Amino acid sequence: MAAKSGYTRPLPLAGDTAPPPPSAVLYVANCGPAVGVTDADVRSVFGAFGEVAGVQAADDSGARIIVRFHEPAAAEAAMAALHGRPCDLLAGRVLHIRYSVPVKPKARPGGSVPVALVASELGIPGIYMVQEFLTAAEEQELLSAVDSKTWKRLAKRRVQHYGYEFLYETRNVDSKQFLGELPTFVSTVLEKIASFPGVKDCTTRLVDQLTVNEYPCGVGLSPHIDTHSAFEEMIFSLSLAGPCIMEFRKYTRGSWRAPSVVNGVDEDSSQEPECIRKAIFLPPRSMLLMSGEGRYAWHHYIPHHKIDAVGGQVIKRNSRRVSFTFRKVRMGPCDCEYKQFCDSHSKRC
């Protein structure tokens, strides 16, 4: 099957959102080479309803395709006959079919969003950044330390967990599975964050969980809010080796969530809901603190770019980026004031 088609799945329907209008293009899930369905199989099954103009991959999964007919009536007939029903010609496979929508053109690196160089330019309460948080020598010591440890490979990056393991499938941690104290090679970092701008009075340890992520050149992270019930308010993110832009998004529909994570893969939808967007440049050795509104109510996101536009200059991501994310595991439900974003609140309702 061909590469991406220029069409994608429609967004999940909200209460007042109209479904995509009928068209000659169908989005078909549970169908494709990854589940043993060939291009010829698809054309044979869907060709019974009209001439098939094209069969292409909807994404990189191998299990979702785009079927294009010449006539909308043929697509309508195929959907009526095949959606949600076992297909005998495909070994009883149940297809999930919707009208597809065109992919929005991707914005140029950095998009139209101004990129802040200091946190105060963002205007997001609770976001703080310190550049040159570590020296170059301290940076190299940390990189050497993690490179001597065992990495766990995800689909697009490698990770290490300390204190508690982060579970990507649920975006949570098992607070009963303590892995041990944070490693001694981050002692300098722990000492420095105690006096970090924006750090509030704390009678216990500021952090007890560390996730180290290694991002290859150009790899980013889809929009998400760290789960409220998993972690307490302050989240520290230390950037090493390579730079990036981090974008913050506040969705007008506050309950919107990024697509589920499968096998550690964040699936970023190309059809984004309306949101307020702000961005900041994170140079190597910078430390970012997300707290308050910036932690609880804004999604953070690293675009998948190999170049970023910053202040009229082009910044190449020509090396890996390694981030150290320090958090404190929450041992009870979250009681924040941002209820529309809070999973603890939704469980109580």
Protein backbone atom coordinates (compact mmCIF):
# COMPACT_ATOMS: atom_id res chain seq x y z
CA MET A 1 0.00 0.00 0.00
CA ALA A 2 1.12 3.53 -0.70
CA ALA A 3 2.36 6.02 1.85
CA LYS A 4 0.10 8.55 3.47
CA SER A 5 -2.89 9.58 1.40
CA GLY A 6 -3.61 13.18 2.33
CA TYR A 7 -6.64 12.02 4.34
CA THR A 8 -6.96 11.00 7.98
CA ARG A 9 -9.46 9.90 10.59
CA PRO A 10 -12.02 12.46 11.77
CA LEU A 11 -11.85 13.65 15.35
CA PRO A 12 -13.97 11.89 17.99
CA LEU A 13 -17.37 13.56 18.11
CA ALA A 14 -18.13 15.98 20.94
CA GLY A 15 -21.64 16.92 22.02
CA ASP A 16 -22.19 19.70 19.50
CA THR A 17 -19.77 18.55 16.80
CA ALA A 18 -21.24 17.48 13.48
CA PRO A 19 -19.85 14.34 11.84
CA PRO A 20 -17.87 14.72 8.61
CA PRO A 21 -20.20 15.08 5.60
CA PRO A 22 -20.63 12.07 3.29
CA SER A 23 -17.86 11.83 0.72
CA ALA A 24 -16.19 9.35 -1.62
CA VAL A 25 -13.33 8.78 0.86
CA LEU A 26 -13.52 6.31 3.76
CA TYR A 27 -11.29 5.85 6.80
CA VAL A 28 -11.16 2.11 7.58
CA ALA A 29 -9.70 0.79 10.85
CA ASN A 30 -8.73 -2.80 11.64
CA CYS A 31 -7.65 -3.28 8.04
CA GLY A 32 -4.22 -3.30 6.39
CA PRO A 33 -0.98 -5.26 6.02
CA ALA A 34 -0.28 -5.34 9.76
CA VAL A 35 -3.40 -7.48 10.25
CA GLY A 36 -2.88 -9.59 7.12
CA VAL A 37 -5.08 -7.66 4.67
CA THR A 38 -3.48 -6.88 1.31
CA ASP A 39 -4.23 -4.12 -1.20
CA ALA A 40 -5.82 -6.74 -3.46
CA ASP A 41 -8.05 -7.96 -0.61
CA VAL A 42 -9.29 -4.42 0.02
CA ARG A 43 -10.01 -3.74 -3.65
CA SER A 44 -11.89 -7.03 -3.95
CA VAL A 45 -14.13 -6.34 -0.94
CA PHE A 46 -14.80 -2.64 -1.52
CA GLY A 47 -14.96 -2.99 -5.31
CA ALA A 48 -18.28 -4.74 -4.91
CA PHE A 49 -19.84 -1.33 -4.20
CA GLY A 50 -18.27 0.73 -6.98
CA GLU A 51 -14.99 1.45 -8.70
CA VAL A 52 -12.16 1.97 -6.19
CA ALA A 53 -9.98 4.95 -7.13
CA GLY A 54 -7.25 4.24 -4.59
CA VAL A 55 -6.23 2.34 -1.45
CA GLN A 56 -3.58 3.96 0.74
CA ALA A 57 -2.22 3.87 4.28
CA ALA A 58 -3.94 6.25 6.69
CA ASP A 59 -0.86 6.34 8.96
CA ASP A 60 2.19 4.28 9.86
CA SER A 61 0.31 1.64 11.88
CA GLY A 62 -0.36 -0.74 9.00
CA ALA A 63 -3.85 -1.35 10.41
CA ARG A 64 -5.72 1.74 9.18
CA ILE A 65 -6.32 2.62 5.54
CA ILE A 66 -7.99 5.16 3.29
CA VAL A 67 -10.30 3.83 0.56
CA ARG A 68 -11.20 6.31 -2.18
CA PHE A 69 -14.15 5.74 -4.51
CA HIS A 70 -15.02 7.77 -7.59
CA GLU A 71 -18.60 8.26 -6.37
CA PRO A 72 -19.88 9.17 -2.86
CA ALA A 73 -22.79 6.75 -3.34
CA ALA A 74 -20.35 3.83 -3.55
CA ALA A 75 -18.66 4.89 -0.30
CA GLU A 76 -22.06 5.22 1.39
CA ALA A 77 -23.07 1.72 0.25
CA ALA A 78 -19.77 0.22 1.43
CA MET A 79 -20.07 1.84 4.85
CA ALA A 80 -23.68 0.65 5.26
CA ALA A 81 -22.75 -2.92 4.37
CA LEU A 82 -19.37 -3.33 6.08
CA HIS A 83 -19.13 -1.05 9.12
CA GLY A 84 -19.18 -2.94 12.41
CA ARG A 85 -20.00 -6.29 10.83
CA PRO A 86 -17.83 -9.38 10.33
CA CYS A 87 -16.58 -9.53 6.73
CA ASP A 88 -16.56 -13.09 5.41
CA LEU A 89 -14.09 -12.23 2.63
CA LEU A 90 -11.62 -10.95 5.25
CA ALA A 91 -11.76 -14.01 7.52
CA GLY A 92 -14.53 -12.50 9.65
CA ARG A 93 -12.61 -9.32 10.44
CA VAL A 94 -14.82 -6.50 11.78
CA LEU A 95 -14.09 -3.20 10.04
CA HIS A 96 -14.65 0.21 11.62
CA ILE A 97 -15.47 2.75 8.94
CA ARG A 98 -16.04 6.52 8.93
CA TYR A 99 -15.96 9.21 6.31
CA SER A 100 -12.42 10.54 6.12
CA VAL A 101 -11.28 14.16 6.24
CA PRO A 102 -8.37 15.89 4.47
CA VAL A 103 -5.16 16.32 6.44
CA LYS A 104 -4.49 19.91 7.39
CA PRO A 105 -1.23 21.23 5.93
CA LYS A 106 1.56 21.12 8.48
CA ALA A 107 2.78 24.42 9.78
CA ARG A 108 6.36 25.41 9.09
CA PRO A 109 8.81 24.81 11.96
CA GLY A 110 7.86 27.13 14.80
CA GLY A 111 4.58 27.87 12.98
CA SER A 112 3.05 31.26 13.55
CA VAL A 113 3.61 31.02 17.29
CA PRO A 114 6.17 33.49 18.66
CA VAL A 115 8.92 31.61 20.50
CA ALA A 116 9.81 33.03 23.91
CA LEU A 117 13.41 32.98 25.09
CA VAL A 118 12.54 33.52 28.77
CA ALA A 119 9.61 32.17 30.78
CA SER A 120 8.21 35.61 31.64
CA GLU A 121 7.45 36.18 27.94
CA LEU A 122 5.03 33.24 27.96
CA GLY A 123 2.60 34.79 30.40
CA ILE A 124 1.62 31.36 31.77
CA PRO A 125 1.35 31.27 35.57
CA GLY A 126 3.59 28.65 37.16
CA ILE A 127 6.12 28.28 34.32
CA TYR A 128 9.74 29.13 35.20
CA MET A 129 13.03 28.52 33.38
CA VAL A 130 16.70 28.90 34.28
CA GLN A 131 19.26 28.80 31.48
CA GLU A 132 22.70 27.30 32.15
CA PHE A 133 21.27 25.48 35.16
CA LEU A 134 24.28 23.17 34.93
CA THR A 135 27.81 23.63 33.68
CA ALA A 136 28.99 21.90 30.52
CA ALA A 137 31.10 19.56 32.67
CA GLU A 138 28.09 18.64 34.83
CA GLU A 139 26.06 18.02 31.69
CA GLN A 140 28.65 15.56 30.37
CA GLU A 141 28.80 13.77 33.71
CA LEU A 142 25.03 13.20 33.64
CA LEU A 143 25.05 12.02 30.02
CA SER A 144 27.91 9.61 30.73
CA ALA A 145 26.09 8.29 33.80
CA VAL A 146 22.85 7.44 31.98
CA ASP A 147 24.70 6.07 28.95
CA SER A 148 26.37 3.57 31.28
CA LYS A 149 22.94 2.34 32.41
CA THR A 150 20.38 0.17 30.61
CA TRP A 151 17.94 1.95 28.33
CA LYS A 152 14.39 0.73 27.66
CA ARG A 153 13.48 1.18 24.00
CA LEU A 154 10.12 2.61 23.00
CA ALA A 155 8.92 3.09 19.42
CA LYS A 156 10.63 6.45 18.85
CA ARG A 157 12.86 7.03 21.87
CA ARG A 158 14.69 5.37 24.78
CA VAL A 159 13.86 5.82 28.47
CA GLN A 160 15.11 5.07 31.97
CA HIS A 161 13.05 5.24 35.18
CA TYR A 162 14.21 5.78 38.74
CA GLY A 163 12.24 5.88 42.00
CA TYR A 164 9.03 4.70 40.33
CA GLU A 165 8.40 3.47 36.80
CA PHE A 166 6.11 5.54 34.60
CA LEU A 167 3.48 3.36 32.87
CA TYR A 168 2.87 4.79 29.39
CA GLU A 169 -0.25 2.75 28.72
CA THR A 170 -2.09 4.41 31.63
CA ARG A 171 -0.01 7.62 31.94
CA ASN A 172 0.37 6.78 35.61
CA VAL A 173 2.66 5.10 38.14
CA ASP A 174 2.17 2.23 40.55
CA SER A 175 2.92 3.97 43.84
CA LYS A 176 3.30 0.58 45.55
CA GLN A 177 6.23 -0.42 43.30
CA PHE A 178 9.16 1.58 44.68
CA LEU A 179 12.34 1.05 42.64
CA GLY A 180 14.67 2.66 45.17
CA GLU A 181 16.15 6.07 45.90
CA LEU A 182 17.09 8.39 43.08
CA PRO A 183 20.64 7.72 41.79
CA THR A 184 23.58 9.54 43.28
CA PHE A 185 24.57 10.99 39.90
CA VAL A 186 21.66 13.48 40.15
CA SER A 187 22.63 14.73 43.63
CA THR A 188 23.88 18.05 42.26
CA VAL A 189 20.60 18.61 40.43
CA LEU A 190 18.54 17.84 43.54
CA GLU A 191 20.57 20.33 45.57
CA LYS A 192 20.08 23.08 43.00
CA ILE A 193 16.33 22.72 42.50
CA ALA A 194 15.69 23.40 46.18
CA SER A 195 16.39 27.09 45.47
CA PHE A 196 14.77 27.15 42.03
CA PRO A 197 12.54 30.18 41.21
CA GLY A 198 8.91 29.38 41.88
CA VAL A 199 9.57 26.49 44.26
CA LYS A 200 7.08 26.63 47.09
CA ASP A 201 7.62 25.69 50.72
CA CYS A 202 7.78 21.93 50.98
CA THR A 203 8.17 19.92 54.17
CA THR A 204 9.06 16.70 52.33
CA ARG A 205 11.37 15.84 49.46
CA LEU A 206 10.61 17.87 46.36
CA VAL A 207 10.91 14.89 44.00
CA ASP A 208 11.13 11.10 44.23
CA GLN A 209 10.66 10.00 40.59
CA LEU A 210 12.91 10.49 37.59
CA THR A 211 12.30 9.67 33.94
CA VAL A 212 15.20 10.07 31.51
CA ASN A 213 14.17 10.35 27.85
CA GLU A 214 16.52 10.22 24.89
CA TYR A 215 15.00 11.80 21.78
CA PRO A 216 16.74 11.17 18.44
CA CYS A 217 17.14 14.10 16.05
CA GLY A 218 13.73 15.47 15.08
CA VAL A 219 11.66 13.36 17.47
CA GLY A 220 9.27 15.22 19.77
CA LEU A 221 6.38 14.55 22.11
CA SER A 222 2.62 14.85 21.56
CA PRO A 223 0.45 17.28 23.58
CA HIS A 224 -0.35 16.04 27.08
CA ILE A 225 -0.83 17.05 30.71
CA ASP A 226 1.02 14.89 33.21
CA THR A 227 -1.70 12.93 35.00
CA HIS A 228 -2.90 14.86 38.06
CA SER A 229 -3.43 11.74 40.19
CA ALA A 230 0.04 10.43 39.36
CA PHE A 231 2.20 13.40 40.30
CA GLU A 232 2.12 16.39 42.61
CA GLU A 233 2.24 20.01 41.47
CA MET A 234 5.89 20.70 40.62
CA ILE A 235 7.47 19.06 37.56
CA PHE A 236 11.08 19.83 36.64
CA SER A 237 12.43 19.19 33.14
CA LEU A 238 16.17 19.41 32.49
CA SER A 239 17.26 19.58 28.83
CA LEU A 240 20.68 18.19 27.87
CA ALA A 241 22.69 17.71 24.67
CA GLY A 242 20.25 19.11 22.08
CA PRO A 243 17.84 22.09 22.00
CA CYS A 244 14.12 22.10 21.22
CA ILE A 245 11.00 24.22 21.27
CA MET A 246 8.34 23.33 23.84
CA GLU A 247 4.86 24.47 22.99
CA PHE A 248 2.09 24.98 25.54
CA ARG A 249 -1.54 24.58 24.50
CA LYS A 250 -4.72 25.47 26.35
CA TYR A 251 -7.70 23.86 24.67
CA THR A 252 -10.99 25.70 24.59
CA ARG A 253 -12.65 22.40 25.44
CA GLY A 254 -10.87 21.88 28.72
CA SER A 255 -11.56 18.15 28.93
CA TRP A 256 -9.82 17.32 25.63
CA ARG A 257 -7.13 14.66 25.98
CA ALA A 258 -4.39 13.66 23.57
CA PRO A 259 -4.91 10.26 21.88
CA SER A 260 -4.10 7.20 23.94
CA VAL A 261 -0.55 5.95 24.12
CA VAL A 262 0.10 2.50 22.65
CA ASN A 263 3.42 0.78 23.39
CA GLY A 264 4.93 4.08 24.44
CA VAL A 265 3.88 5.85 21.22
CA ASP A 266 2.10 9.20 21.46
CA GLU A 267 -0.24 9.45 18.48
CA ASP A 268 -0.53 13.14 17.60
CA SER A 269 -3.71 13.87 15.64
CA SER A 270 -3.27 16.05 12.57
CA GLN A 271 -6.75 17.50 13.14
CA GLU A 272 -6.22 19.63 16.23
CA PRO A 273 -9.09 21.24 18.15
CA GLU A 274 -8.99 25.01 18.66
CA CYS A 275 -6.49 26.06 21.32
CA ILE A 276 -4.32 28.90 22.63
CA ARG A 277 -0.68 28.24 21.69
CA LYS A 278 2.50 29.58 23.26
CA ALA A 279 6.09 28.37 22.86
CA ILE A 280 9.47 28.64 24.54
CA PHE A 281 12.98 27.72 23.40
CA LEU A 282 14.78 25.22 25.66
CA PRO A 283 18.55 25.38 25.13
CA PRO A 284 20.87 22.65 26.41
CA ARG A 285 21.48 22.73 30.19
CA SER A 286 18.26 24.67 30.85
CA MET A 287 15.83 23.64 33.59
CA LEU A 288 12.08 24.23 33.24
CA LEU A 289 9.59 24.14 36.11
CA MET A 290 5.92 23.53 35.43
CA SER A 291 3.68 24.29 38.41
CA GLY A 292 0.25 25.72 39.15
CA GLU A 293 -1.85 26.55 36.11
CA GLY A 294 1.00 25.84 33.72
CA ARG A 295 1.31 22.28 35.04
CA TYR A 296 -2.37 21.49 35.66
CA ALA A 297 -4.22 23.23 32.81
CA TRP A 298 -1.85 23.56 29.84
CA HIS A 299 -0.79 20.69 27.60
CA HIS A 300 2.91 20.71 26.81
CA TYR A 301 4.21 19.52 23.48
CA ILE A 302 7.50 19.18 21.59
CA PRO A 303 6.93 19.40 17.81
CA HIS A 304 8.47 16.68 15.67
CA HIS A 305 10.86 18.96 13.76
CA LYS A 306 14.45 18.68 12.61
CA ILE A 307 14.72 22.48 12.52
CA ASP A 308 13.11 25.18 14.66
CA ALA A 309 12.63 28.86 13.87
CA VAL A 310 13.71 30.95 16.87
CA GLY A 311 13.98 34.72 16.76
CA GLY A 312 14.45 34.79 13.01
CA GLN A 313 17.18 32.14 13.15
CA VAL A 314 17.02 28.49 12.14
CA ILE A 315 18.10 26.16 14.93
CA LYS A 316 18.97 22.66 13.74
CA ARG A 317 18.26 19.67 15.94
CA ASN A 318 21.37 17.91 14.69
CA SER A 319 21.96 15.85 17.82
CA ARG A 320 19.98 13.80 20.25
CA ARG A 321 18.20 15.53 23.13
CA VAL A 322 18.18 13.96 26.60
CA SER A 323 15.69 15.17 29.17
CA PHE A 324 15.64 14.47 32.90
CA THR A 325 12.09 14.88 34.25
CA PHE A 326 11.85 15.05 38.03
CA ARG A 327 8.47 14.61 39.73
CA LYS A 328 6.99 13.63 43.09
CA VAL A 329 4.55 10.72 43.07
CA ARG A 330 1.16 11.57 44.54
CA MET A 331 -0.02 9.12 47.19
CA GLY A 332 -3.66 10.27 47.25
CA PRO A 333 -6.21 11.93 44.97
CA CYS A 334 -5.49 15.35 43.47
CA ASP A 335 -7.47 18.23 44.95
CA CYS A 336 -6.44 21.01 42.56
CA GLU A 337 -8.70 23.83 41.41
CA TYR A 338 -8.51 22.82 37.73
CA LYS A 339 -11.34 20.29 37.86
CA GLN A 340 -11.98 20.12 34.11
CA PHE A 341 -8.44 18.81 33.58
CA CYS A 342 -8.25 16.57 36.66
CA ASP A 343 -8.70 12.80 36.49
CA SER A 344 -9.12 12.59 40.29
CA HIS A 345 -12.13 14.89 40.03
CA SER A 346 -13.68 12.89 37.17
CA LYS A 347 -13.35 9.64 39.19
CA ARG A 348 -15.25 11.22 42.07
CA CYS A 349 -18.10 12.43 39.82
